[in-house]
Protein backbone atom coordinates (compact mmCIF):
# COMPACT_ATOMS: atom_id res chain seq x y z
CA MET A 1 12.26 69.36 8.39
CA PRO A 2 13.52 68.25 4.97
CA THR A 3 16.69 70.01 3.41
CA LEU A 4 16.91 68.46 -0.14
CA LEU A 5 12.95 69.07 -1.40
CA PRO A 6 11.26 66.53 -3.28
CA PRO A 7 10.19 67.50 -6.93
CA LEU A 8 6.58 68.51 -7.67
CA PRO A 9 4.10 65.59 -7.80
CA SER A 10 1.87 65.52 -10.96
CA ASP A 11 -0.40 67.88 -11.07
CA ALA A 12 -3.10 65.38 -13.24
CA ASP A 13 -5.11 64.83 -10.04
CA LEU A 14 -5.60 69.24 -9.86
CA ARG A 15 -6.01 69.36 -14.08
CA ARG A 16 -9.13 67.06 -13.42
CA LEU A 17 -10.49 69.31 -10.83
CA VAL A 18 -10.38 72.35 -13.61
CA HIS A 19 -14.07 71.85 -16.02
CA PHE A 20 -14.95 74.17 -18.87
CA SER A 21 -18.45 74.19 -19.53
CA THR A 22 -19.17 75.14 -22.78
CA VAL A 23 -22.89 74.82 -22.41
CA ASP A 24 -23.26 77.67 -19.74
CA GLY A 25 -19.73 79.79 -20.21
CA ARG A 26 -18.87 78.87 -17.22
CA ILE A 27 -15.32 77.32 -16.01
CA TRP A 28 -15.11 75.56 -12.37
CA LEU A 29 -12.52 74.76 -10.43
CA ALA A 30 -13.90 71.76 -8.45
CA ASP A 31 -16.62 73.37 -7.14
CA GLN A 32 -15.56 77.00 -6.91
CA ARG A 33 -15.93 79.38 -9.92
CA MET A 34 -13.66 80.80 -11.91
CA LEU A 35 -12.63 83.19 -14.87
CA LEU A 36 -10.26 83.53 -17.23
CA LEU A 37 -9.11 87.32 -17.52
CA HIS A 38 -6.93 89.28 -19.85
CA ALA A 39 -3.75 90.23 -17.64
CA ALA A 40 -4.62 93.90 -18.89
CA SER A 41 -8.30 94.26 -17.30
CA LEU A 42 -6.25 93.38 -13.55
CA GLN A 43 -3.61 95.82 -14.60
CA ALA A 44 -5.97 98.63 -15.68
CA LEU A 45 -7.77 97.50 -12.36
CA ARG A 46 -4.73 97.65 -10.26
CA ARG A 47 -3.60 101.19 -12.15
CA GLU A 48 -7.41 102.51 -11.14
CA LEU A 49 -6.98 101.38 -7.60
CA MET A 50 -3.90 103.20 -6.76
CA SER A 51 -4.42 106.07 -8.66
CA SER A 52 -8.17 106.85 -6.63
CA LEU A 53 -6.87 105.18 -3.08
CA GLY A 54 -3.22 105.65 -3.03
CA PRO A 55 -0.35 102.40 -3.50
CA GLU A 56 -0.72 101.89 0.40
CA HIS A 57 -4.35 101.31 0.30
CA THR A 58 -3.99 99.57 -3.21
CA ARG A 59 -1.52 97.05 -1.81
CA ARG A 60 -3.88 96.25 1.06
CA LEU A 61 -6.66 95.74 -0.74
CA LEU A 62 -4.86 93.04 -3.53
CA MET A 63 -2.98 91.25 -0.41
CA ARG A 64 -6.77 90.33 1.19
CA ALA A 65 -8.22 89.67 -2.42
CA GLY A 66 -5.33 86.97 -2.99
CA TYR A 67 -5.71 85.96 0.94
CA THR A 68 -9.08 85.06 0.14
CA ALA A 69 -8.75 82.99 -3.03
CA GLY A 70 -5.63 81.05 -1.23
CA THR A 71 -7.91 79.82 1.75
CA ARG A 72 -10.55 78.69 -0.94
CA ASP A 73 -7.63 76.52 -2.44
CA ALA A 74 -6.76 75.51 0.97
CA MET A 75 -10.09 73.94 1.61
CA LEU A 76 -9.24 71.77 -1.89
CA ALA A 77 -5.55 70.57 -0.58
CA ARG A 78 -6.64 68.09 2.00
CA LYS A 79 -9.44 66.98 0.07
CA VAL A 80 -7.61 66.21 -3.07
CA ARG A 81 -4.82 64.41 -1.66
CA PRO A 82 -5.78 63.23 1.79
CA ASP A 83 -3.23 60.64 2.18
CA ALA A 84 -0.32 62.29 0.91
CA SER A 85 2.42 62.96 1.98
CA LEU A 86 2.91 66.73 3.69
CA PHE A 87 5.02 67.72 1.22
CA ASP A 88 2.76 66.82 -1.49
CA ALA A 89 -0.37 68.09 -0.21
CA PHE A 90 0.98 71.48 0.77
CA ALA A 91 2.27 71.47 -3.09
CA VAL A 92 -1.57 71.89 -3.99
CA GLY A 93 -0.99 75.69 -3.25
CA PRO A 94 1.83 76.06 -5.31
CA GLN A 95 0.29 74.02 -7.80
CA LEU A 96 -2.72 75.70 -8.46
CA HIS A 97 -1.68 79.08 -8.08
CA MET A 98 0.79 78.03 -11.60
CA LEU A 99 -2.06 76.03 -12.95
CA GLU A 100 -4.04 79.72 -12.28
CA GLY A 101 -1.78 81.37 -14.53
CA ALA A 102 -0.20 83.46 -11.91
CA VAL A 103 3.19 82.57 -11.45
CA ARG A 104 5.92 79.75 -11.10
CA VAL A 105 6.82 78.28 -8.35
CA THR A 106 9.76 76.74 -7.16
CA PRO A 107 10.02 75.37 -3.52
CA GLN A 108 13.15 75.83 -2.42
CA VAL A 109 12.28 75.48 1.42
CA LEU A 110 10.07 73.83 3.39
CA GLU A 111 10.81 73.32 7.60
CA VAL A 112 7.35 71.93 9.51
CA ASP A 113 6.66 70.98 12.76
CA GLU A 114 2.98 71.45 13.67
CA ALA A 115 3.64 69.90 17.05
CA GLN A 116 5.94 72.86 17.78
CA GLY A 117 4.44 75.25 15.78
CA HIS A 118 7.14 76.16 13.62
CA PHE A 119 6.45 76.54 9.70
CA ARG A 120 9.40 77.97 7.23
CA GLY A 121 8.92 78.25 3.79
CA VAL A 122 11.25 79.76 1.01
CA PHE A 123 9.46 79.93 -2.67
CA ARG A 124 11.04 81.32 -5.72
CA TRP A 125 8.49 82.69 -8.16
CA ASP A 126 8.99 83.29 -11.89
CA HIS A 127 7.19 85.11 -14.44
CA SER A 128 4.79 87.40 -12.02
CA TRP A 129 1.75 88.25 -13.79
CA GLU A 130 2.22 91.27 -11.20
CA ALA A 131 5.62 92.05 -11.51
CA GLU A 132 4.86 91.89 -15.36
CA MET A 133 2.01 94.23 -15.15
CA HIS A 134 3.61 96.64 -12.64
CA GLN A 135 6.08 97.26 -14.45
CA ARG A 136 4.31 98.24 -17.86
CA SER A 137 2.33 100.36 -15.90
CA CYS A 138 5.13 102.59 -13.78
CA GLY A 139 8.21 101.01 -14.21
CA PRO A 140 10.47 99.34 -12.33
CA SER A 141 9.90 99.67 -8.56
CA ASP A 142 11.76 100.21 -5.27
CA GLU A 143 9.57 98.22 -3.25
CA PRO A 144 7.72 94.43 -3.93
CA VAL A 145 4.82 94.72 -5.86
CA CYS A 146 3.35 91.27 -5.85
CA TRP A 147 0.83 91.91 -3.86
CA MET A 148 -2.14 89.54 -4.24
CA LEU A 149 0.31 86.79 -4.98
CA LEU A 150 1.73 87.60 -1.78
CA GLY A 151 -1.73 87.60 -0.18
CA TYR A 152 -2.20 84.28 -1.65
CA ALA A 153 0.29 82.52 -0.64
CA SER A 154 -0.44 83.62 3.30
CA GLY A 155 -4.35 82.63 2.93
CA TYR A 156 -3.41 79.63 1.49
CA THR A 157 -0.61 78.61 4.14
CA SER A 158 -2.95 80.06 7.14
CA GLY A 159 -5.94 77.90 5.84
CA PHE A 160 -3.51 74.49 5.35
CA PHE A 161 -2.38 74.62 8.44
CA GLY A 162 -5.40 75.69 10.51
CA ARG A 163 -3.25 79.14 12.09
CA PRO A 164 -1.85 81.94 11.16
CA ALA A 165 0.93 82.36 8.68
CA LEU A 166 2.42 85.25 6.57
CA PHE A 167 4.68 85.64 3.92
CA LYS A 168 7.09 88.73 3.20
CA GLU A 169 8.59 89.47 -0.42
CA VAL A 170 12.04 89.33 0.15
CA GLN A 171 13.01 90.28 -3.30
CA CYS A 172 10.99 91.23 -6.73
CA SER A 173 11.51 91.18 -10.04
CA ALA A 174 9.58 94.83 -10.60
CA SER A 175 13.01 95.84 -8.56
CA GLY A 176 15.19 94.68 -10.75
CA HIS A 177 16.21 90.68 -9.77
CA ASP A 178 15.85 88.15 -11.93
CA CYS A 179 13.20 86.48 -10.10
CA CYS A 180 10.44 87.10 -6.95
CA LEU A 181 11.27 85.07 -3.90
CA ILE A 182 8.92 85.13 -0.56
CA GLU A 183 9.78 83.73 2.73
CA GLY A 184 6.79 82.32 4.90
CA ARG A 185 6.50 81.78 9.14
CA PHE A 186 3.81 81.15 11.38
CA ALA A 187 2.67 84.78 12.27
CA HIS A 188 3.82 83.95 15.88
CA GLU A 189 7.75 83.24 14.60
CA TRP A 190 7.69 86.90 12.86
CA PRO A 191 9.71 89.13 15.31
CA ASP A 192 7.45 91.57 13.39
CA GLY A 193 4.24 89.06 13.27
CA GLU A 194 1.21 91.62 14.33
CA GLN A 195 2.79 94.62 12.31
CA LEU A 196 2.33 92.27 9.34
CA ALA A 197 -1.13 90.84 10.48
CA ARG A 198 -2.34 94.41 10.17
CA ASP A 199 -2.26 94.53 6.51
CA TYR A 200 -4.76 91.91 6.75
CA ASP A 201 -7.18 94.02 8.40
CA PRO A 202 -10.06 96.11 7.09
CA ASP A 203 -8.88 99.59 5.98
CA SER A 204 -10.49 101.86 8.00
CA MET A 205 -12.31 103.67 4.79
CA LEU A 206 -13.34 100.22 3.93
CA VAL A 207 -14.92 99.74 7.30
CA ARG A 208 -16.63 102.71 7.43
CA ILE A 209 -18.28 102.28 3.28
CA ASP A 210 -18.78 98.77 5.47
CA GLU A 211 -20.47 100.21 8.35
CA LEU A 212 -22.66 102.64 6.55
CA ARG A 213 -23.78 99.75 4.01
CA SER A 214 -24.62 97.19 7.49
CA GLN A 215 -26.66 100.25 8.65
CA VAL A 216 -28.67 100.38 5.45
CA GLU A 217 -29.07 97.05 5.02
CA ALA A 218 -30.37 97.00 8.91
CA LEU A 219 -32.87 100.13 8.20
CA ARG A 220 -33.88 98.14 4.83
CA THR A 221 -34.87 94.97 7.07
CA GLN A 222 -36.73 97.30 9.33
CA LEU A 223 -38.60 98.22 6.63
CA GLN A 224 -39.15 94.64 5.98
CA PRO A 225 -42.41 92.71 7.07
CA ALA A 226 -41.65 90.80 9.73
CA ASP A 227 -43.35 88.38 12.35
CA ASP A 228 -42.20 86.57 15.44
CA GLN A 229 -39.81 84.52 13.14
CA GLY A 230 -38.24 87.61 11.66
CA PRO A 231 -38.53 89.87 8.79
CA LEU A 232 -39.82 87.94 5.55
CA ILE A 233 -36.77 87.76 2.85
CA GLY A 234 -36.01 89.05 -0.63
CA HIS A 235 -36.00 91.85 -3.21
CA SER A 236 -36.81 90.29 -6.51
CA PRO A 237 -39.69 92.26 -8.05
CA ALA A 238 -42.47 89.47 -7.80
CA PHE A 239 -41.36 89.72 -3.79
CA ARG A 240 -41.63 93.53 -4.03
CA GLN A 241 -44.68 93.33 -5.71
CA THR A 242 -46.45 90.58 -3.16
CA VAL A 243 -44.69 92.95 -0.11
CA GLU A 244 -46.66 96.30 -1.38
CA LEU A 245 -49.79 94.75 -1.47
CA LEU A 246 -49.05 93.46 1.90
CA ARG A 247 -48.04 96.79 3.27
CA LYS A 248 -51.54 98.76 2.49
CA ALA A 249 -53.45 96.10 3.25
CA ALA A 250 -52.22 95.97 7.08
CA PRO A 251 -53.61 98.91 8.28
CA THR A 252 -56.84 98.22 7.11
CA GLU A 253 -59.62 95.06 8.31
CA VAL A 254 -60.06 94.11 4.67
CA THR A 255 -60.35 90.08 4.33
CA VAL A 256 -57.20 89.06 2.76
CA LEU A 257 -56.50 85.73 0.42
CA LEU A 258 -53.53 84.84 -0.19
CA THR A 259 -53.01 82.19 -2.76
CA GLY A 260 -49.75 80.18 -4.06
CA GLU A 261 -47.98 77.15 -4.16
CA THR A 262 -47.61 74.56 -1.38
CA GLY A 263 -44.68 75.51 0.00
CA VAL A 264 -44.33 79.48 -0.89
CA GLY A 265 -44.69 80.76 2.98
CA LYS A 266 -47.92 81.45 3.31
CA GLU A 267 -48.71 81.77 6.82
CA ARG A 268 -45.40 83.36 7.26
CA PHE A 269 -47.01 86.25 4.99
CA ALA A 270 -50.25 85.99 6.92
CA ARG A 271 -48.44 86.43 10.16
CA ALA A 272 -45.95 89.23 8.76
CA LEU A 273 -50.14 90.92 7.37
CA HIS A 274 -51.02 90.51 11.39
CA ALA A 275 -47.68 92.08 12.62
CA MET A 276 -47.96 95.19 10.58
CA GLY A 277 -51.91 96.14 11.46
CA PRO A 278 -53.12 97.86 14.58
CA ARG A 279 -54.26 94.04 15.77
CA ALA A 280 -50.45 93.25 16.34
CA ASP A 281 -50.89 92.85 20.07
CA LYS A 282 -54.00 90.58 19.94
CA PRO A 283 -53.41 86.53 19.31
CA PHE A 284 -52.92 85.31 15.86
CA VAL A 285 -54.48 81.79 15.60
CA ALA A 286 -53.81 79.62 12.56
CA VAL A 287 -55.92 76.68 11.66
CA ASN A 288 -55.36 74.36 8.69
CA CYS A 289 -58.38 72.71 7.60
CA ALA A 290 -56.76 70.43 5.31
CA ALA A 291 -55.71 68.28 8.39
CA LEU A 292 -58.91 68.38 10.54
CA PRO A 293 -61.50 65.43 10.32
CA ALA A 294 -64.80 66.60 8.61
CA GLU A 295 -66.57 65.89 11.72
CA LEU A 296 -64.39 67.92 13.91
CA ILE A 297 -63.92 70.98 11.72
CA GLU A 298 -67.02 72.79 12.89
CA SER A 299 -65.93 72.42 16.43
CA GLU A 300 -62.80 73.54 16.05
CA LEU A 301 -64.00 76.54 14.40
CA PHE A 302 -67.17 77.42 16.62
CA GLY A 303 -66.18 75.20 19.60
CA ALA A 304 -68.98 73.15 21.06
CA GLU A 305 -70.96 72.79 24.26
CA LYS A 306 -70.50 69.99 26.93
CA GLY A 307 -72.47 66.93 25.41
CA ALA A 308 -73.27 68.23 22.39
CA TYR A 309 -71.75 65.01 20.70
CA THR A 310 -70.49 61.85 21.83
CA GLY A 311 -67.26 62.57 23.81
CA ALA A 312 -67.64 66.15 24.00
CA ASN A 313 -66.81 65.92 28.14
CA ALA A 314 -66.01 69.58 28.12
CA THR A 315 -66.46 73.09 26.64
CA ARG A 316 -64.63 73.84 24.08
CA ILE A 317 -63.82 77.13 22.67
CA GLY A 318 -63.24 77.52 19.16
CA ARG A 319 -60.55 79.09 17.37
CA PHE A 320 -62.79 82.19 16.32
CA GLU A 321 -63.12 82.86 20.09
CA ARG A 322 -59.46 82.09 20.27
CA ALA A 323 -58.68 84.97 17.89
CA HIS A 324 -60.88 87.65 19.79
CA GLY A 325 -59.27 90.97 18.38
CA GLY A 326 -56.75 89.56 16.22
CA THR A 327 -56.27 87.84 13.27
CA LEU A 328 -57.78 83.85 12.67
CA LEU A 329 -55.37 82.52 9.36
CA LEU A 330 -57.88 79.50 7.77
CA ASP A 331 -54.89 77.74 6.13
CA GLU A 332 -55.96 75.19 3.07
CA LEU A 333 -59.56 76.69 2.82
CA GLY A 334 -59.56 74.85 -0.41
CA GLU A 335 -60.52 71.75 1.61
CA LEU A 336 -63.11 73.17 3.89
CA PRO A 337 -66.28 70.96 3.37
CA LEU A 338 -69.46 72.14 2.16
CA PRO A 339 -71.42 72.37 5.28
CA ALA A 340 -68.63 74.13 7.46
CA GLN A 341 -68.51 76.82 4.62
CA ALA A 342 -72.13 77.43 4.96
CA LYS A 343 -71.43 78.80 8.78
CA LEU A 344 -67.97 80.47 7.54
CA LEU A 345 -69.70 82.49 5.33
CA ARG A 346 -72.43 83.23 8.27
CA VAL A 347 -69.79 84.30 10.39
CA LEU A 348 -68.09 86.18 8.29
CA GLN A 349 -71.45 88.28 7.31
CA GLN A 350 -72.61 88.47 11.05
CA GLY A 351 -69.25 88.85 13.36
CA GLU A 352 -70.89 85.99 15.48
CA VAL A 353 -70.17 82.57 16.20
CA GLU A 354 -72.70 79.83 17.65
CA ARG A 355 -70.81 76.86 19.50
CA LEU A 356 -72.11 72.89 18.71
CA GLY A 357 -74.93 72.38 21.24
CA SER A 358 -75.74 76.27 21.78
CA THR A 359 -78.99 78.56 20.68
CA GLN A 360 -76.96 81.53 22.08
CA ALA A 361 -75.19 83.50 19.37
CA ARG A 362 -71.52 84.89 20.40
CA LYS A 363 -70.02 88.44 18.96
CA VAL A 364 -66.49 88.22 17.41
CA ASP A 365 -63.73 91.02 16.74
CA VAL A 366 -61.92 88.90 14.20
CA ARG A 367 -59.71 89.79 10.89
CA VAL A 368 -59.93 86.84 8.69
CA VAL A 369 -56.45 85.77 6.73
CA ALA A 370 -57.41 82.75 4.16
CA ALA A 371 -54.57 80.61 2.41
CA THR A 372 -54.82 78.03 -0.29
CA ASN A 373 -52.91 76.43 -2.83
CA VAL A 374 -57.00 75.23 -4.55
CA ASP A 375 -57.93 77.21 -7.56
CA LEU A 376 -61.21 78.65 -5.81
CA GLU A 377 -62.34 79.46 -9.55
CA LYS A 378 -62.44 75.86 -10.67
CA ALA A 379 -63.33 74.45 -7.50
CA VAL A 380 -66.57 76.62 -7.24
CA GLU A 381 -67.41 75.43 -11.19
CA GLU A 382 -66.35 71.47 -10.14
CA GLY A 383 -69.17 72.27 -7.09
CA ARG A 384 -67.10 71.86 -4.00
CA PHE A 385 -66.69 75.72 -3.00
CA ARG A 386 -69.42 78.15 -2.66
CA ARG A 387 -69.41 80.66 -4.62
CA ASP A 388 -70.82 83.15 -2.20
CA LEU A 389 -67.88 82.39 0.26
CA LEU A 390 -65.76 83.06 -2.52
CA TYR A 391 -66.92 86.31 -3.68
CA ARG A 392 -67.34 87.44 0.40
CA LEU A 393 -63.07 86.32 0.72
CA ASN A 394 -61.83 87.19 -2.34
CA VAL A 395 -61.67 90.66 -1.23
CA TYR A 396 -58.47 91.87 -1.46
CA PRO A 397 -56.20 89.08 -2.95
CA ILE A 398 -52.94 88.48 -2.76
CA ARG A 399 -50.57 85.97 -4.89
CA ILE A 400 -47.53 84.66 -3.17
CA PRO A 401 -44.97 84.10 -6.01
CA PRO A 402 -43.33 80.38 -6.39
CA LEU A 403 -39.70 80.45 -5.89
CA ARG A 404 -38.74 79.87 -9.17
CA GLU A 405 -39.89 83.04 -10.06
CA ARG A 406 -37.76 84.83 -7.29
CA ALA A 407 -34.53 83.61 -8.42
CA GLU A 408 -32.63 86.96 -6.76
CA ASP A 409 -34.15 85.74 -3.73
CA ILE A 410 -32.92 82.01 -3.60
CA GLU A 411 -29.30 82.95 -2.08
CA LEU A 412 -30.22 85.59 0.46
CA LEU A 413 -33.09 82.70 1.52
CA ALA A 414 -30.19 79.96 1.31
CA MET A 415 -27.82 81.82 3.42
CA HIS A 416 -30.81 82.87 5.67
CA LEU A 417 -31.15 79.13 6.39
CA LEU A 418 -27.43 78.09 6.93
CA GLN A 419 -26.91 80.29 9.41
CA LYS A 420 -30.58 79.18 11.17
CA TYR A 421 -29.84 75.74 10.88
CA ALA A 422 -25.91 76.07 11.57
CA ALA A 423 -27.23 77.51 15.00
CA ARG A 424 -30.09 75.07 15.51
CA HIS A 425 -27.22 72.35 15.18
CA GLY A 426 -25.01 74.01 16.32
CA LYS A 427 -22.01 73.49 13.33
CA ARG A 428 -20.06 76.34 12.02
CA VAL A 429 -20.77 76.45 8.31
CA GLU A 430 -18.65 79.02 5.64
CA GLY A 431 -21.30 78.88 3.40
CA PHE A 432 -21.97 77.15 0.15
CA THR A 433 -19.89 76.57 -2.84
CA ASP A 434 -20.00 78.60 -6.16
CA LEU A 435 -21.24 74.95 -7.40
CA ALA A 436 -24.45 74.72 -4.89
CA LEU A 437 -24.98 78.41 -5.43
CA ALA A 438 -25.35 77.85 -9.05
CA ALA A 439 -27.22 74.35 -8.78
CA MET A 440 -29.84 76.23 -6.32
CA ARG A 441 -30.15 79.17 -8.89
CA ALA A 442 -31.03 76.33 -11.71
CA HIS A 443 -33.49 74.12 -9.90
CA PRO A 444 -36.97 74.13 -10.74
CA TRP A 445 -38.02 74.28 -6.74
CA PRO A 446 -41.69 72.21 -7.13
CA GLY A 447 -41.58 72.38 -2.74
CA ASN A 448 -40.84 76.03 -3.02
CA VAL A 449 -39.63 77.63 0.33
CA ARG A 450 -40.09 74.96 2.36
CA GLU A 451 -38.21 72.46 -0.27
CA LEU A 452 -34.97 74.75 0.30
CA GLU A 453 -35.47 74.59 3.88
CA ASN A 454 -35.29 70.93 3.48
CA LEU A 455 -31.95 70.75 1.45
CA VAL A 456 -30.34 73.44 3.27
CA GLU A 457 -30.68 71.63 6.77
CA ARG A 458 -29.50 68.32 4.80
CA GLY A 459 -26.22 70.46 3.71
CA VAL A 460 -25.57 71.72 7.09
CA ILE A 461 -26.05 68.25 8.76
CA LEU A 462 -23.59 66.81 5.66
CA ALA A 463 -20.95 69.54 5.78
CA SER A 464 -18.14 68.63 7.84
CA SER A 465 -17.20 71.59 10.65
CA GLY A 466 -15.85 74.81 9.33
CA GLY A 467 -16.42 73.63 5.35
CA MET A 468 -18.86 74.89 2.63
CA VAL A 469 -21.96 73.23 1.47
CA ASP A 470 -21.36 71.29 -1.61
CA ALA A 471 -23.89 70.77 -4.44
CA PRO A 472 -24.13 66.84 -3.91
CA MET A 473 -25.00 67.65 -0.24
CA LEU A 474 -28.10 69.82 -1.56
CA PHE A 475 -29.07 67.52 -4.58
CA PRO A 476 -27.29 64.34 -4.21
CA GLN A 477 -28.86 62.65 -7.86
CA LEU A 478 -26.63 66.15 -9.62
CA THR A 479 -24.63 65.01 -12.08
CA SER A 480 -22.43 66.64 -13.68
CA ALA A 481 -22.93 68.54 -17.57
CA ASP A 482 -20.61 67.47 -20.62
CA MET A 483 -17.48 69.71 -19.56
CA LEU A 484 -13.89 69.64 -20.92
CA THR A 485 -10.83 69.29 -18.76
CA VAL A 486 -7.35 70.11 -19.14
CA ASN A 487 -5.13 67.49 -20.27
CA ALA A 488 -1.33 67.44 -19.42
CA SER A 489 -0.20 69.16 -22.39
CA GLY A 490 -2.66 72.44 -21.49
CA GLY A 491 -5.42 71.65 -24.14
CA LEU A 492 -9.22 70.47 -23.81
CA GLU A 493 -11.02 67.16 -23.87
CA SER A 494 -14.16 65.98 -22.72
CA ASN A 495 -14.08 63.23 -20.10
CA ALA A 496 -18.17 63.28 -20.03
CA ALA A 497 -18.05 62.96 -23.90
CA CYS A 498 -15.04 60.30 -23.86
CA ALA A 499 -17.52 58.39 -21.41
CA GLN A 500 -20.94 58.18 -23.36
CA GLN A 501 -18.98 56.86 -26.38
CA ALA A 502 -18.26 54.35 -25.05
CA ASP A 503 -21.12 53.31 -23.14
CA PHE A 504 -22.74 54.03 -26.68
CA TYR A 505 -20.23 51.65 -28.36
CA ASP A 506 -20.30 48.80 -25.41
CA MET A 507 -24.25 49.54 -26.12
CA LEU A 508 -23.69 48.30 -30.15
CA GLN A 509 -21.93 45.56 -28.96
CA ARG A 510 -24.45 43.77 -26.67
CA SER A 511 -27.21 44.21 -29.18
CA GLY A 512 -25.32 42.76 -31.82
CA LEU A 513 -26.47 45.24 -34.32
CA THR A 514 -24.17 46.52 -37.69
CA LEU A 515 -24.21 50.32 -37.74
CA ASP A 516 -26.16 50.39 -40.63
CA ALA A 517 -28.98 48.53 -38.70
CA MET A 518 -28.70 50.85 -35.75
CA GLU A 519 -28.73 53.89 -38.30
CA ASP A 520 -31.90 52.20 -39.62
CA ALA A 521 -33.50 51.41 -36.75
CA LEU A 522 -32.66 55.12 -35.29
CA ILE A 523 -34.49 56.49 -37.98
CA ARG A 524 -38.11 54.50 -38.19
CA GLU A 525 -38.33 54.66 -34.30
CA ALA A 526 -38.06 58.71 -34.93
CA VAL A 527 -40.39 58.74 -37.59
CA GLN A 528 -42.54 57.10 -35.75
CA ARG A 529 -42.43 58.94 -32.29
CA ALA A 530 -42.87 61.89 -34.76
CA GLY A 531 -46.27 60.36 -36.26
CA GLY A 532 -45.13 60.15 -39.55
CA ASN A 533 -44.36 63.60 -39.81
CA LEU A 534 -41.06 63.53 -41.32
CA SER A 535 -40.07 67.32 -40.69
CA ALA A 536 -40.44 67.17 -36.85
CA ALA A 537 -38.22 63.11 -37.21
CA ALA A 538 -35.51 65.02 -39.35
CA ARG A 539 -35.33 67.68 -36.56
CA ALA A 540 -35.31 65.34 -33.74
CA LEU A 541 -32.33 63.38 -35.49
CA GLY A 542 -29.90 66.84 -36.36
CA ILE A 543 -30.91 66.16 -40.72
CA THR A 544 -32.44 68.05 -42.86
CA ARG A 545 -36.03 66.49 -44.45
CA PRO A 546 -34.57 65.59 -47.93
CA GLN A 547 -31.79 63.71 -45.66
CA LEU A 548 -34.18 61.85 -43.99
CA SER A 549 -36.30 60.85 -47.22
CA TYR A 550 -33.52 59.46 -48.99
CA ARG A 551 -32.37 57.30 -45.99
CA LEU A 552 -36.15 56.57 -46.05
CA SER A 553 -35.91 55.50 -49.84
CA ARG A 554 -33.06 53.22 -49.26
CA ILE A 555 -33.94 51.26 -46.33
CA GLN A 556 -37.33 50.56 -48.47
CA ASP A 557 -35.34 50.07 -51.24
CA ASP A 558 -33.22 47.40 -49.05
CA ALA A 559 -36.30 45.88 -47.48
CA ARG A 560 -37.65 45.16 -51.59
CA ARG A 561 -34.53 43.45 -52.59
CA ALA A 562 -34.58 41.36 -49.48
CA THR A 563 -38.23 40.22 -50.22
């Protein structure tokens, strides 16, 4: 329990966490996206909230907003300074608060005994943005007004120690004091702790709004097509268009052809189609045509009598008969051999099957849904697929869009999968960092939803309990873009650019080339790769065509003089 506090440690490690990405207009604090906002805009928001909600609701709303920011920064503290003293590790919060431009923080008292459940912290605040903005809008105040800052302190301390901690603002510069002063304790140490904690409970009005939102979401979920694994998830235009086609086909008996890339979830859409239709209480049978050996496909689809072929020791009921009254999904239909295609066409046309080794036709009442990632028109042209079967199946085609065309759905799907795999692995995971979400939105998703499932499950396994899934957990190969960081004087500098310059210089030294020789080599390579097209070569080098022509002339003159 220190009585004389040491000075705050260097914040160089924290400044290195701040990245200004000039290429995409985003600012990062480690893995969380940040914003540089005009204080005047927050002042206007605060004024609007007070006029519409009243001072009390506004105070509690801003405190909860600050609390959320504080808990996010608390996640960084133990990571940034894992081996530091308690004081230096805890100082991450005050130093980040200063780095974020909120207030200047001076620790005055810090007493901690985690084993005994004791915490007392007293901090001086200077240049509070909230106190300044409140005085500009409303003049002096009889009550403390640093609501968001106070919530931050409570959220940060609670997150850092893993137990509820609450701060009071015991004096405020908006009330005429020369500075603001806050004092914090663990919640159970305050005599009025329960009353203080209620400031962070959702307001009744906001609770009602949230309840209404939940009811709307529930109704929307009920309207979404679903199967035994739950509703299909998405709200992108491409998803909604596909779902609308699915709805129109569901009550009919039309044969549906689902097309789309591998991993888009064709079987899930087929199951949803079955669940929405009149056959929902009948069997749904799926068969992957590509996974069956060619010699067994007919027996799997149509069945076989005992002794029909070597090894047929018992009668086998085919998939068509198993699906009688329900739906049969023929997945990867484009891989079906031609002989089986002919028999499938007959079944579709006549509604009856013959088991191998039998001459008796059996009536089957089956709705067929076919799915493929193969271009069947091209397969017909190449002689790999029957044209008459294509015409029979292609009555009602539905294209399932790839995930890259459903950018708005990625976060929804990822959160759904996060909950699914967190429950499966018995781990509590808070969610995805902003950097992870940005990386997922930028990824091309060649493996579509199946790839997303695999990455999210890996992220859940790698994430710490109670932590968040970060971008490197999803994409180990991810490299940061060229970003600007903050130096000690508050200026911006590019670490990545400096590193690239150093690597290039080292390569130049190892090659033994002079700068002129390196330039000549680059120009020749650019012209060669452009096939002699000087305009294209100039664009690749970032110079004009006349500049390139001049340099080429110089290179040729030097070569002639050398000979």
